[in-house]
Amino acid sequence: QNIRFDYLKIDKCFIDTIGVTSVNAPVLNSIIELANNLDVKTIAEGVE
């Protein structure tokens, strides 16, 4: 909240939880929501 930045690059380990039951699965949605609240754009890494 104290710094200005333009993009959040979401790490591949969270992208890998899509469609898979994992303890990290809810984190992905939380990161996306956080980025929206901070008004910054997101880049998803490791999309396969």
ModelCIF file with pLDDT and N, C-alpha, C, O atoms, coordinates in Angstrom:
data_MODEL
#
_entry.id   MODEL 
#
_entity.id                         1 
_entity.type                       polymer 
_entity.pdbx_number_of_molecules   1 
#
_entity_poly.entity_id                      1 
_entity_poly.type                           'polypeptide(L)' 
_entity_poly.nstd_linkage                   no 
_entity_poly.nstd_monomer                   no 
_entity_poly.pdbx_seq_one_letter_code       QNIRFDYLKIDKCFIDTIGVTSVNAPVLNSIIELANNLDVKTIAEGVE 
_entity_poly.pdbx_seq_one_letter_code_can   QNIRFDYLKIDKCFIDTIGVTSVNAPVLNSIIELANNLDVKTIAEGVE 
_entity_poly.pdbx_strand_id                 A 
#
loop_
_entity_poly_seq.entity_id 
_entity_poly_seq.num 
_entity_poly_seq.mon_id 
_entity_poly_seq.hetero 
1 1  GLN n 
1 2  ASN n 
1 3  ILE n 
1 4  ARG n 
1 5  PHE n 
1 6  ASP n 
1 7  TYR n 
1 8  LEU n 
1 9  LYS n 
1 10 ILE n 
1 11 ASP n 
1 12 LYS n 
1 13 CYS n 
1 14 PHE n 
1 15 ILE n 
1 16 ASP n 
1 17 THR n 
1 18 ILE n 
1 19 GLY n 
1 20 VAL n 
1 21 THR n 
1 22 SER n 
1 23 VAL n 
1 24 ASN n 
1 25 ALA n 
1 26 PRO n 
1 27 VAL n 
1 28 LEU n 
1 29 ASN n 
1 30 SER n 
1 31 ILE n 
1 32 ILE n 
1 33 GLU n 
1 34 LEU n 
1 35 ALA n 
1 36 ASN n 
1 37 ASN n 
1 38 LEU n 
1 39 ASP n 
1 40 VAL n 
1 41 LYS n 
1 42 THR n 
1 43 ILE n 
1 44 ALA n 
1 45 GLU n 
1 46 GLY n 
1 47 VAL n 
1 48 GLU n 
#
_struct_asym.id          A 
_struct_asym.entity_id   1 
#
loop_
_ma_qa_metric.id 
_ma_qa_metric.mode 
_ma_qa_metric.name 
_ma_qa_metric.software_group_id 
_ma_qa_metric.type 
1 global pLDDT . pLDDT 
2 local  pLDDT . pLDDT 
#
_ma_qa_metric_global.metric_id      1 
_ma_qa_metric_global.metric_value   85.67 
_ma_qa_metric_global.model_id       1 
_ma_qa_metric_global.ordinal_id     1 
#
loop_
_ma_qa_metric_local.label_asym_id 
_ma_qa_metric_local.label_comp_id 
_ma_qa_metric_local.label_seq_id 
_ma_qa_metric_local.metric_id 
_ma_qa_metric_local.metric_value 
_ma_qa_metric_local.model_id 
_ma_qa_metric_local.ordinal_id 
A GLN 1  2 68.00 1 1  
A ASN 2  2 69.00 1 2  
A ILE 3  2 76.00 1 3  
A ARG 4  2 80.00 1 4  
A PHE 5  2 85.00 1 5  
A ASP 6  2 89.00 1 6  
A TYR 7  2 92.00 1 7  
A LEU 8  2 90.00 1 8  
A LYS 9  2 92.00 1 9  
A ILE 10 2 91.00 1 10 
A ASP 11 2 90.00 1 11 
A LYS 12 2 91.00 1 12 
A CYS 13 2 88.00 1 13 
A PHE 14 2 90.00 1 14 
A ILE 15 2 92.00 1 15 
A ASP 16 2 90.00 1 16 
A THR 17 2 89.00 1 17 
A ILE 18 2 89.00 1 18 
A GLY 19 2 84.00 1 19 
A VAL 20 2 81.00 1 20 
A THR 21 2 71.00 1 21 
A SER 22 2 66.00 1 22 
A VAL 23 2 62.00 1 23 
A ASN 24 2 61.00 1 24 
A ALA 25 2 69.00 1 25 
A PRO 26 2 81.00 1 26 
A VAL 27 2 85.00 1 27 
A LEU 28 2 89.00 1 28 
A ASN 29 2 89.00 1 29 
A SER 30 2 88.00 1 30 
A ILE 31 2 89.00 1 31 
A ILE 32 2 91.00 1 32 
A GLU 33 2 90.00 1 33 
A LEU 34 2 87.00 1 34 
A ALA 35 2 88.00 1 35 
A ASN 36 2 89.00 1 36 
A ASN 37 2 86.00 1 37 
A LEU 38 2 85.00 1 38 
A ASP 39 2 87.00 1 39 
A VAL 40 2 89.00 1 40 
A LYS 41 2 93.00 1 41 
A THR 42 2 94.00 1 42 
A ILE 43 2 95.00 1 43 
A ALA 44 2 94.00 1 44 
A GLU 45 2 94.00 1 45 
A GLY 46 2 94.00 1 46 
A VAL 47 2 95.00 1 47 
A GLU 48 2 95.00 1 48 
#
loop_
_atom_site.group_PDB 
_atom_site.id 
_atom_site.type_symbol 
_atom_site.label_atom_id 
_atom_site.label_alt_id 
_atom_site.label_comp_id 
_atom_site.label_asym_id 
_atom_site.label_entity_id 
_atom_site.label_seq_id 
_atom_site.pdbx_PDB_ins_code 
_atom_site.Cartn_x 
_atom_site.Cartn_y 
_atom_site.Cartn_z 
_atom_site.occupancy 
_atom_site.B_iso_or_equiv 
_atom_site.pdbx_formal_charge 
_atom_site.auth_seq_id 
_atom_site.auth_comp_id 
_atom_site.auth_asym_id 
_atom_site.auth_atom_id 
_atom_site.pdbx_PDB_model_num 
ATOM 1   N N  . GLN A 1 1  ? 0.813  -1.201  0.000   1.00 68.00 ? 1  GLN A N  1 
ATOM 2   C CA . GLN A 1 1  ? 0.000  0.000   0.000   1.00 68.00 ? 1  GLN A CA 1 
ATOM 3   C C  . GLN A 1 1  ? 0.856  1.264   0.000   1.00 68.00 ? 1  GLN A C  1 
ATOM 4   O O  . GLN A 1 1  ? 0.383  2.338   -0.370  1.00 68.00 ? 1  GLN A O  1 
ATOM 5   N N  . ASN A 1 2  ? 2.121  1.133   0.418   1.00 69.00 ? 2  ASN A N  1 
ATOM 6   C CA . ASN A 1 2  ? 2.984  2.299   0.545   1.00 69.00 ? 2  ASN A CA 1 
ATOM 7   C C  . ASN A 1 2  ? 3.824  2.576   -0.703  1.00 69.00 ? 2  ASN A C  1 
ATOM 8   O O  . ASN A 1 2  ? 4.493  3.607   -0.776  1.00 69.00 ? 2  ASN A O  1 
ATOM 9   N N  . ILE A 1 3  ? 3.799  1.675   -1.680  1.00 76.00 ? 3  ILE A N  1 
ATOM 10  C CA . ILE A 1 3  ? 4.605  1.877   -2.884  1.00 76.00 ? 3  ILE A CA 1 
ATOM 11  C C  . ILE A 1 3  ? 3.688  1.927   -4.108  1.00 76.00 ? 3  ILE A C  1 
ATOM 12  O O  . ILE A 1 3  ? 2.548  1.466   -4.076  1.00 76.00 ? 3  ILE A O  1 
ATOM 13  N N  . ARG A 1 4  ? 4.224  2.499   -5.181  1.00 80.00 ? 4  ARG A N  1 
ATOM 14  C CA . ARG A 1 4  ? 3.469  2.582   -6.437  1.00 80.00 ? 4  ARG A CA 1 
ATOM 15  C C  . ARG A 1 4  ? 4.080  1.617   -7.433  1.00 80.00 ? 4  ARG A C  1 
ATOM 16  O O  . ARG A 1 4  ? 5.284  1.646   -7.689  1.00 80.00 ? 4  ARG A O  1 
ATOM 17  N N  . PHE A 1 5  ? 3.248  0.775   -7.983  1.00 85.00 ? 5  PHE A N  1 
ATOM 18  C CA . PHE A 1 5  ? 3.702  -0.159  -9.002  1.00 85.00 ? 5  PHE A CA 1 
ATOM 19  C C  . PHE A 1 5  ? 2.568  -0.370  -9.999  1.00 85.00 ? 5  PHE A C  1 
ATOM 20  O O  . PHE A 1 5  ? 1.424  0.014   -9.755  1.00 85.00 ? 5  PHE A O  1 
ATOM 21  N N  . ASP A 1 6  ? 2.910  -0.984  -11.120 1.00 89.00 ? 6  ASP A N  1 
ATOM 22  C CA . ASP A 1 6  ? 1.966  -1.055  -12.240 1.00 89.00 ? 6  ASP A CA 1 
ATOM 23  C C  . ASP A 1 6  ? 1.386  -2.442  -12.474 1.00 89.00 ? 6  ASP A C  1 
ATOM 24  O O  . ASP A 1 6  ? 0.235  -2.575  -12.891 1.00 89.00 ? 6  ASP A O  1 
ATOM 25  N N  . TYR A 1 7  ? 2.194  -3.498  -12.202 1.00 92.00 ? 7  TYR A N  1 
ATOM 26  C CA . TYR A 1 7  ? 1.746  -4.860  -12.514 1.00 92.00 ? 7  TYR A CA 1 
ATOM 27  C C  . TYR A 1 7  ? 2.138  -5.810  -11.378 1.00 92.00 ? 7  TYR A C  1 
ATOM 28  O O  . TYR A 1 7  ? 3.177  -5.655  -10.737 1.00 92.00 ? 7  TYR A O  1 
ATOM 29  N N  . LEU A 1 8  ? 1.266  -6.795  -11.158 1.00 90.00 ? 8  LEU A N  1 
ATOM 30  C CA . LEU A 1 8  ? 1.594  -7.947  -10.311 1.00 90.00 ? 8  LEU A CA 1 
ATOM 31  C C  . LEU A 1 8  ? 1.700  -9.172  -11.210 1.00 90.00 ? 8  LEU A C  1 
ATOM 32  O O  . LEU A 1 8  ? 0.750  -9.510  -11.917 1.00 90.00 ? 8  LEU A O  1 
ATOM 33  N N  . LYS A 1 9  ? 2.836  -9.829  -11.186 1.00 92.00 ? 9  LYS A N  1 
ATOM 34  C CA . LYS A 1 9  ? 2.989  -11.071 -11.950 1.00 92.00 ? 9  LYS A CA 1 
ATOM 35  C C  . LYS A 1 9  ? 2.727  -12.240 -10.998 1.00 92.00 ? 9  LYS A C  1 
ATOM 36  O O  . LYS A 1 9  ? 3.481  -12.477 -10.055 1.00 92.00 ? 9  LYS A O  1 
ATOM 37  N N  . ILE A 1 10 ? 1.636  -12.963 -11.272 1.00 91.00 ? 10 ILE A N  1 
ATOM 38  C CA . ILE A 1 10 ? 1.230  -14.062 -10.392 1.00 91.00 ? 10 ILE A CA 1 
ATOM 39  C C  . ILE A 1 10 ? 2.108  -15.275 -10.688 1.00 91.00 ? 10 ILE A C  1 
ATOM 40  O O  . ILE A 1 10 ? 2.210  -15.707 -11.836 1.00 91.00 ? 10 ILE A O  1 
ATOM 41  N N  . ASP A 1 11 ? 2.737  -15.821 -9.656  1.00 90.00 ? 11 ASP A N  1 
ATOM 42  C CA . ASP A 1 11 ? 3.669  -16.930 -9.842  1.00 90.00 ? 11 ASP A CA 1 
ATOM 43  C C  . ASP A 1 11 ? 2.965  -18.176 -10.377 1.00 90.00 ? 11 ASP A C  1 
ATOM 44  O O  . ASP A 1 11 ? 1.785  -18.406 -10.111 1.00 90.00 ? 11 ASP A O  1 
ATOM 45  N N  . LYS A 1 12 ? 3.716  -18.968 -11.134 1.00 91.00 ? 12 LYS A N  1 
ATOM 46  C CA . LYS A 1 12 ? 3.193  -20.178 -11.780 1.00 91.00 ? 12 LYS A CA 1 
ATOM 47  C C  . LYS A 1 12 ? 2.607  -21.174 -10.778 1.00 91.00 ? 12 LYS A C  1 
ATOM 48  O O  . LYS A 1 12 ? 1.672  -21.903 -11.109 1.00 91.00 ? 12 LYS A O  1 
ATOM 49  N N  . CYS A 1 13 ? 3.152  -21.212 -9.548  1.00 88.00 ? 13 CYS A N  1 
ATOM 50  C CA . CYS A 1 13 ? 2.670  -22.202 -8.568  1.00 88.00 ? 13 CYS A CA 1 
ATOM 51  C C  . CYS A 1 13 ? 1.187  -21.994 -8.253  1.00 88.00 ? 13 CYS A C  1 
ATOM 52  O O  . CYS A 1 13 ? 0.497  -22.952 -7.901  1.00 88.00 ? 13 CYS A O  1 
ATOM 53  N N  . PHE A 1 14 ? 0.687  -20.768 -8.373  1.00 90.00 ? 14 PHE A N  1 
ATOM 54  C CA . PHE A 1 14 ? -0.733 -20.497 -8.134  1.00 90.00 ? 14 PHE A CA 1 
ATOM 55  C C  . PHE A 1 14 ? -1.562 -20.772 -9.389  1.00 90.00 ? 14 PHE A C  1 
ATOM 56  O O  . PHE A 1 14 ? -2.717 -21.189 -9.299  1.00 90.00 ? 14 PHE A O  1 
ATOM 57  N N  . ILE A 1 15 ? -0.972 -20.540 -10.539 1.00 92.00 ? 15 ILE A N  1 
ATOM 58  C CA . ILE A 1 15 ? -1.683 -20.841 -11.788 1.00 92.00 ? 15 ILE A CA 1 
ATOM 59  C C  . ILE A 1 15 ? -1.905 -22.349 -11.906 1.00 92.00 ? 15 ILE A C  1 
ATOM 60  O O  . ILE A 1 15 ? -2.929 -22.791 -12.426 1.00 92.00 ? 15 ILE A O  1 
ATOM 61  N N  . ASP A 1 16 ? -0.951 -23.128 -11.426 1.00 90.00 ? 16 ASP A N  1 
ATOM 62  C CA . ASP A 1 16 ? -1.055 -24.595 -11.505 1.00 90.00 ? 16 ASP A CA 1 
ATOM 63  C C  . ASP A 1 16 ? -2.206 -25.141 -10.674 1.00 90.00 ? 16 ASP A C  1 
ATOM 64  O O  . ASP A 1 16 ? -2.606 -26.288 -10.871 1.00 90.00 ? 16 ASP A O  1 
ATOM 65  N N  . THR A 1 17 ? -2.759 -24.344 -9.736  1.00 89.00 ? 17 THR A N  1 
ATOM 66  C CA . THR A 1 17 ? -3.853 -24.840 -8.893  1.00 89.00 ? 17 THR A CA 1 
ATOM 67  C C  . THR A 1 17 ? -5.205 -24.783 -9.589  1.00 89.00 ? 17 THR A C  1 
ATOM 68  O O  . THR A 1 17 ? -6.197 -25.288 -9.063  1.00 89.00 ? 17 THR A O  1 
ATOM 69  N N  . ILE A 1 18 ? -5.249 -24.174 -10.761 1.00 89.00 ? 18 ILE A N  1 
ATOM 70  C CA . ILE A 1 18 ? -6.530 -24.077 -11.483 1.00 89.00 ? 18 ILE A CA 1 
ATOM 71  C C  . ILE A 1 18 ? -6.991 -25.480 -11.891 1.00 89.00 ? 18 ILE A C  1 
ATOM 72  O O  . ILE A 1 18 ? -6.273 -26.203 -12.583 1.00 89.00 ? 18 ILE A O  1 
ATOM 73  N N  . GLY A 1 19 ? -8.191 -25.849 -11.455 1.00 84.00 ? 19 GLY A N  1 
ATOM 74  C CA . GLY A 1 19 ? -8.746 -27.165 -11.771 1.00 84.00 ? 19 GLY A CA 1 
ATOM 75  C C  . GLY A 1 19 ? -8.195 -28.279 -10.906 1.00 84.00 ? 19 GLY A C  1 
ATOM 76  O O  . GLY A 1 19 ? -8.486 -29.451 -11.145 1.00 84.00 ? 19 GLY A O  1 
ATOM 77  N N  . VAL A 1 20 ? -7.398 -27.930 -9.898  1.00 81.00 ? 20 VAL A N  1 
ATOM 78  C CA . VAL A 1 20 ? -6.784 -28.936 -9.028  1.00 81.00 ? 20 VAL A CA 1 
ATOM 79  C C  . VAL A 1 20 ? -7.109 -28.587 -7.583  1.00 81.00 ? 20 VAL A C  1 
ATOM 80  O O  . VAL A 1 20 ? -7.070 -27.419 -7.198  1.00 81.00 ? 20 VAL A O  1 
ATOM 81  N N  . THR A 1 21 ? -7.429 -29.598 -6.785  1.00 71.00 ? 21 THR A N  1 
ATOM 82  C CA . THR A 1 21 ? -7.676 -29.376 -5.367  1.00 71.00 ? 21 THR A CA 1 
ATOM 83  C C  . THR A 1 21 ? -6.350 -29.152 -4.674  1.00 71.00 ? 21 THR A C  1 
ATOM 84  O O  . THR A 1 21 ? -5.503 -30.045 -4.653  1.00 71.00 ? 21 THR A O  1 
ATOM 85  N N  . SER A 1 22 ? -6.159 -27.977 -4.110  1.00 66.00 ? 22 SER A N  1 
ATOM 86  C CA . SER A 1 22 ? -4.881 -27.634 -3.485  1.00 66.00 ? 22 SER A CA 1 
ATOM 87  C C  . SER A 1 22 ? -5.121 -26.587 -2.416  1.00 66.00 ? 22 SER A C  1 
ATOM 88  O O  . SER A 1 22 ? -6.074 -25.811 -2.487  1.00 66.00 ? 22 SER A O  1 
ATOM 89  N N  . VAL A 1 23 ? -4.231 -26.576 -1.413  1.00 62.00 ? 23 VAL A N  1 
ATOM 90  C CA . VAL A 1 23 ? -4.340 -25.563 -0.357  1.00 62.00 ? 23 VAL A CA 1 
ATOM 91  C C  . VAL A 1 23 ? -4.044 -24.175 -0.916  1.00 62.00 ? 23 VAL A C  1 
ATOM 92  O O  . VAL A 1 23 ? -4.454 -23.175 -0.327  1.00 62.00 ? 23 VAL A O  1 
ATOM 93  N N  . ASN A 1 24 ? -3.334 -24.097 -2.049  1.00 61.00 ? 24 ASN A N  1 
ATOM 94  C CA . ASN A 1 24 ? -3.011 -22.807 -2.657  1.00 61.00 ? 24 ASN A CA 1 
ATOM 95  C C  . ASN A 1 24 ? -4.110 -22.296 -3.594  1.00 61.00 ? 24 ASN A C  1 
ATOM 96  O O  . ASN A 1 24 ? -4.053 -21.158 -4.059  1.00 61.00 ? 24 ASN A O  1 
ATOM 97  N N  . ALA A 1 25 ? -5.120 -23.149 -3.871  1.00 69.00 ? 25 ALA A N  1 
ATOM 98  C CA . ALA A 1 25 ? -6.153 -22.768 -4.834  1.00 69.00 ? 25 ALA A CA 1 
ATOM 99  C C  . ALA A 1 25 ? -6.864 -21.469 -4.461  1.00 69.00 ? 25 ALA A C  1 
ATOM 100 O O  . ALA A 1 25 ? -7.034 -20.626 -5.342  1.00 69.00 ? 25 ALA A O  1 
ATOM 101 N N  . PRO A 1 26 ? -7.297 -21.245 -3.198  1.00 81.00 ? 26 PRO A N  1 
ATOM 102 C CA . PRO A 1 26 ? -7.993 -19.989 -2.869  1.00 81.00 ? 26 PRO A CA 1 
ATOM 103 C C  . PRO A 1 26 ? -7.067 -18.778 -2.943  1.00 81.00 ? 26 PRO A C  1 
ATOM 104 O O  . PRO A 1 26 ? -7.544 -17.650 -3.062  1.00 81.00 ? 26 PRO A O  1 
ATOM 105 N N  . VAL A 1 27 ? -5.745 -18.991 -2.873  1.00 85.00 ? 27 VAL A N  1 
ATOM 106 C CA . VAL A 1 27 ? -4.806 -17.867 -2.869  1.00 85.00 ? 27 VAL A CA 1 
ATOM 107 C C  . VAL A 1 27 ? -4.841 -17.135 -4.194  1.00 85.00 ? 27 VAL A C  1 
ATOM 108 O O  . VAL A 1 27 ? -4.726 -15.909 -4.222  1.00 85.00 ? 27 VAL A O  1 
ATOM 109 N N  . LEU A 1 28 ? -4.996 -17.861 -5.296  1.00 89.00 ? 28 LEU A N  1 
ATOM 110 C CA . LEU A 1 28 ? -5.017 -17.242 -6.625  1.00 89.00 ? 28 LEU A CA 1 
ATOM 111 C C  . LEU A 1 28 ? -6.117 -16.194 -6.711  1.00 89.00 ? 28 LEU A C  1 
ATOM 112 O O  . LEU A 1 28 ? -5.880 -15.067 -7.147  1.00 89.00 ? 28 LEU A O  1 
ATOM 113 N N  . ASN A 1 29 ? -7.319 -16.572 -6.291  1.00 89.00 ? 29 ASN A N  1 
ATOM 114 C CA . ASN A 1 29 ? -8.432 -15.623 -6.338  1.00 89.00 ? 29 ASN A CA 1 
ATOM 115 C C  . ASN A 1 29 ? -8.187 -14.428 -5.418  1.00 89.00 ? 29 ASN A C  1 
ATOM 116 O O  . ASN A 1 29 ? -8.587 -13.304 -5.721  1.00 89.00 ? 29 ASN A O  1 
ATOM 117 N N  . SER A 1 30 ? -7.521 -14.688 -4.286  1.00 88.00 ? 30 SER A N  1 
ATOM 118 C CA . SER A 1 30 ? -7.221 -13.596 -3.352  1.00 88.00 ? 30 SER A CA 1 
ATOM 119 C C  . SER A 1 30 ? -6.224 -12.615 -3.956  1.00 88.00 ? 30 SER A C  1 
ATOM 120 O O  . SER A 1 30 ? -6.342 -11.406 -3.752  1.00 88.00 ? 30 SER A O  1 
ATOM 121 N N  . ILE A 1 31 ? -5.241 -13.127 -4.700  1.00 89.00 ? 31 ILE A N  1 
ATOM 122 C CA . ILE A 1 31 ? -4.259 -12.246 -5.346  1.00 89.00 ? 31 ILE A CA 1 
ATOM 123 C C  . ILE A 1 31 ? -4.929 -11.392 -6.410  1.00 89.00 ? 31 ILE A C  1 
ATOM 124 O O  . ILE A 1 31 ? -4.667 -10.195 -6.521  1.00 89.00 ? 31 ILE A O  1 
ATOM 125 N N  . ILE A 1 32 ? -5.797 -12.024 -7.189  1.00 91.00 ? 32 ILE A N  1 
ATOM 126 C CA . ILE A 1 32 ? -6.516 -11.282 -8.236  1.00 91.00 ? 32 ILE A CA 1 
ATOM 127 C C  . ILE A 1 32 ? -7.370 -10.184 -7.608  1.00 91.00 ? 32 ILE A C  1 
ATOM 128 O O  . ILE A 1 32 ? -7.400 -9.055  -8.098  1.00 91.00 ? 32 ILE A O  1 
ATOM 129 N N  . GLU A 1 33 ? -8.061 -10.520 -6.527  1.00 90.00 ? 33 GLU A N  1 
ATOM 130 C CA . GLU A 1 33 ? -8.908 -9.535  -5.843  1.00 90.00 ? 33 GLU A CA 1 
ATOM 131 C C  . GLU A 1 33 ? -8.057 -8.422  -5.240  1.00 90.00 ? 33 GLU A C  1 
ATOM 132 O O  . GLU A 1 33 ? -8.437 -7.251  -5.281  1.00 90.00 ? 33 GLU A O  1 
ATOM 133 N N  . LEU A 1 34 ? -6.893 -8.795  -4.675  1.00 87.00 ? 34 LEU A N  1 
ATOM 134 C CA . LEU A 1 34 ? -5.996 -7.790  -4.100  1.00 87.00 ? 34 LEU A CA 1 
ATOM 135 C C  . LEU A 1 34 ? -5.524 -6.805  -5.166  1.00 87.00 ? 34 LEU A C  1 
ATOM 136 O O  . LEU A 1 34 ? -5.508 -5.594  -4.947  1.00 87.00 ? 34 LEU A O  1 
ATOM 137 N N  . ALA A 1 35 ? -5.140 -7.342  -6.321  1.00 88.00 ? 35 ALA A N  1 
ATOM 138 C CA . ALA A 1 35 ? -4.678 -6.471  -7.405  1.00 88.00 ? 35 ALA A CA 1 
ATOM 139 C C  . ALA A 1 35 ? -5.788 -5.515  -7.855  1.00 88.00 ? 35 ALA A C  1 
ATOM 140 O O  . ALA A 1 35 ? -5.523 -4.344  -8.127  1.00 88.00 ? 35 ALA A O  1 
ATOM 141 N N  . ASN A 1 36 ? -7.014 -6.002  -7.932  1.00 89.00 ? 36 ASN A N  1 
ATOM 142 C CA . ASN A 1 36 ? -8.139 -5.144  -8.322  1.00 89.00 ? 36 ASN A CA 1 
ATOM 143 C C  . ASN A 1 36 ? -8.347 -4.029  -7.302  1.00 89.00 ? 36 ASN A C  1 
ATOM 144 O O  . ASN A 1 36 ? -8.611 -2.883  -7.663  1.00 89.00 ? 36 ASN A O  1 
ATOM 145 N N  . ASN A 1 37 ? -8.225 -4.386  -6.005  1.00 86.00 ? 37 ASN A N  1 
ATOM 146 C CA . ASN A 1 37 ? -8.402 -3.386  -4.945  1.00 86.00 ? 37 ASN A CA 1 
ATOM 147 C C  . ASN A 1 37 ? -7.298 -2.339  -4.971  1.00 86.00 ? 37 ASN A C  1 
ATOM 148 O O  . ASN A 1 37 ? -7.531 -1.171  -4.661  1.00 86.00 ? 37 ASN A O  1 
ATOM 149 N N  . LEU A 1 38 ? -6.077 -2.773  -5.350  1.00 85.00 ? 38 LEU A N  1 
ATOM 150 C CA . LEU A 1 38 ? -4.953 -1.833  -5.426  1.00 85.00 ? 38 LEU A CA 1 
ATOM 151 C C  . LEU A 1 38 ? -4.904 -1.093  -6.756  1.00 85.00 ? 38 LEU A C  1 
ATOM 152 O O  . LEU A 1 38 ? -4.055 -0.226  -6.962  1.00 85.00 ? 38 LEU A O  1 
ATOM 153 N N  . ASP A 1 39 ? -5.822 -1.440  -7.661  1.00 87.00 ? 39 ASP A N  1 
ATOM 154 C CA . ASP A 1 39 ? -5.908 -0.803  -8.986  1.00 87.00 ? 39 ASP A CA 1 
ATOM 155 C C  . ASP A 1 39 ? -4.622 -1.004  -9.784  1.00 87.00 ? 39 ASP A C  1 
ATOM 156 O O  . ASP A 1 39 ? -4.109 -0.069  -10.398 1.00 87.00 ? 39 ASP A O  1 
ATOM 157 N N  . VAL A 1 40 ? -4.107 -2.240  -9.768  1.00 89.00 ? 40 VAL A N  1 
ATOM 158 C CA . VAL A 1 40 ? -2.951 -2.579  -10.597 1.00 89.00 ? 40 VAL A CA 1 
ATOM 159 C C  . VAL A 1 40 ? -3.325 -3.765  -11.482 1.00 89.00 ? 40 VAL A C  1 
ATOM 160 O O  . VAL A 1 40 ? -4.217 -4.546  -11.149 1.00 89.00 ? 40 VAL A O  1 
ATOM 161 N N  . LYS A 1 41 ? -2.639 -3.886  -12.602 1.00 93.00 ? 41 LYS A N  1 
ATOM 162 C CA . LYS A 1 41 ? -2.933 -4.961  -13.553 1.00 93.00 ? 41 LYS A CA 1 
ATOM 163 C C  . LYS A 1 41 ? -2.174 -6.220  -13.149 1.00 93.00 ? 41 LYS A C  1 
ATOM 164 O O  . LYS A 1 41 ? -1.139 -6.152  -12.486 1.00 93.00 ? 41 LYS A O  1 
ATOM 165 N N  . THR A 1 42 ? -2.703 -7.366  -13.559 1.00 94.00 ? 42 THR A N  1 
ATOM 166 C CA . THR A 1 42 ? -2.068 -8.647  -13.239 1.00 94.00 ? 42 THR A CA 1 
ATOM 167 C C  . THR A 1 42 ? -1.618 -9.346  -14.520 1.00 94.00 ? 42 THR A C  1 
ATOM 168 O O  . THR A 1 42 ? -2.260 -9.252  -15.566 1.00 94.00 ? 42 THR A O  1 
ATOM 169 N N  . ILE A 1 43 ? -0.486 -10.056 -14.398 1.00 95.00 ? 43 ILE A N  1 
ATOM 170 C CA . ILE A 1 43 ? 0.037  -10.903 -15.477 1.00 95.00 ? 43 ILE A CA 1 
ATOM 171 C C  . ILE A 1 43 ? 0.188  -12.302 -14.908 1.00 95.00 ? 43 ILE A C  1 
ATOM 172 O O  . ILE A 1 43 ? 0.926  -12.506 -13.944 1.00 95.00 ? 43 ILE A O  1 
ATOM 173 N N  . ALA A 1 44 ? -0.497 -13.253 -15.490 1.00 94.00 ? 44 ALA A N  1 
ATOM 174 C CA . ALA A 1 44 ? -0.412 -14.637 -15.027 1.00 94.00 ? 44 ALA A CA 1 
ATOM 175 C C  . ALA A 1 44 ? 0.772  -15.322 -15.706 1.00 94.00 ? 44 ALA A C  1 
ATOM 176 O O  . ALA A 1 44 ? 0.839  -15.389 -16.933 1.00 94.00 ? 44 ALA A O  1 
ATOM 177 N N  . GLU A 1 45 ? 1.706  -15.832 -14.899 1.00 94.00 ? 45 GLU A N  1 
ATOM 178 C CA . GLU A 1 45 ? 2.886  -16.514 -15.434 1.00 94.00 ? 45 GLU A CA 1 
ATOM 179 C C  . GLU A 1 45 ? 2.641  -18.019 -15.499 1.00 94.00 ? 45 GLU A C  1 
ATOM 180 O O  . GLU A 1 45 ? 1.856  -18.561 -14.721 1.00 94.00 ? 45 GLU A O  1 
ATOM 181 N N  . GLY A 1 46 ? 3.309  -18.680 -16.420 1.00 94.00 ? 46 GLY A N  1 
ATOM 182 C CA . GLY A 1 46 ? 3.290  -20.135 -16.474 1.00 94.00 ? 46 GLY A CA 1 
ATOM 183 C C  . GLY A 1 46 ? 1.976  -20.736 -16.927 1.00 94.00 ? 46 GLY A C  1 
ATOM 184 O O  . GLY A 1 46 ? 1.631  -21.837 -16.498 1.00 94.00 ? 46 GLY A O  1 
ATOM 185 N N  . VAL A 1 47 ? 1.235  -20.054 -17.773 1.00 95.00 ? 47 VAL A N  1 
ATOM 186 C CA . VAL A 1 47 ? -0.029 -20.605 -18.295 1.00 95.00 ? 47 VAL A CA 1 
ATOM 187 C C  . VAL A 1 47 ? 0.311  -21.695 -19.309 1.00 95.00 ? 47 VAL A C  1 
ATOM 188 O O  . VAL A 1 47 ? 1.023  -21.449 -20.282 1.00 95.00 ? 47 VAL A O  1 
ATOM 189 N N  . GLU A 1 48 ? -0.211 -22.912 -19.068 1.00 95.00 ? 48 GLU A N  1 
ATOM 190 C CA . GLU A 1 48 ? 0.174  -24.047 -19.909 1.00 95.00 ? 48 GLU A CA 1 
ATOM 191 C C  . GLU A 1 48 ? -1.001 -24.802 -20.503 1.00 95.00 ? 48 GLU A C  1 
ATOM 192 O O  . GLU A 1 48 ? -0.805 -25.777 -21.229 1.00 95.00 ? 48 GLU A O  1 
#
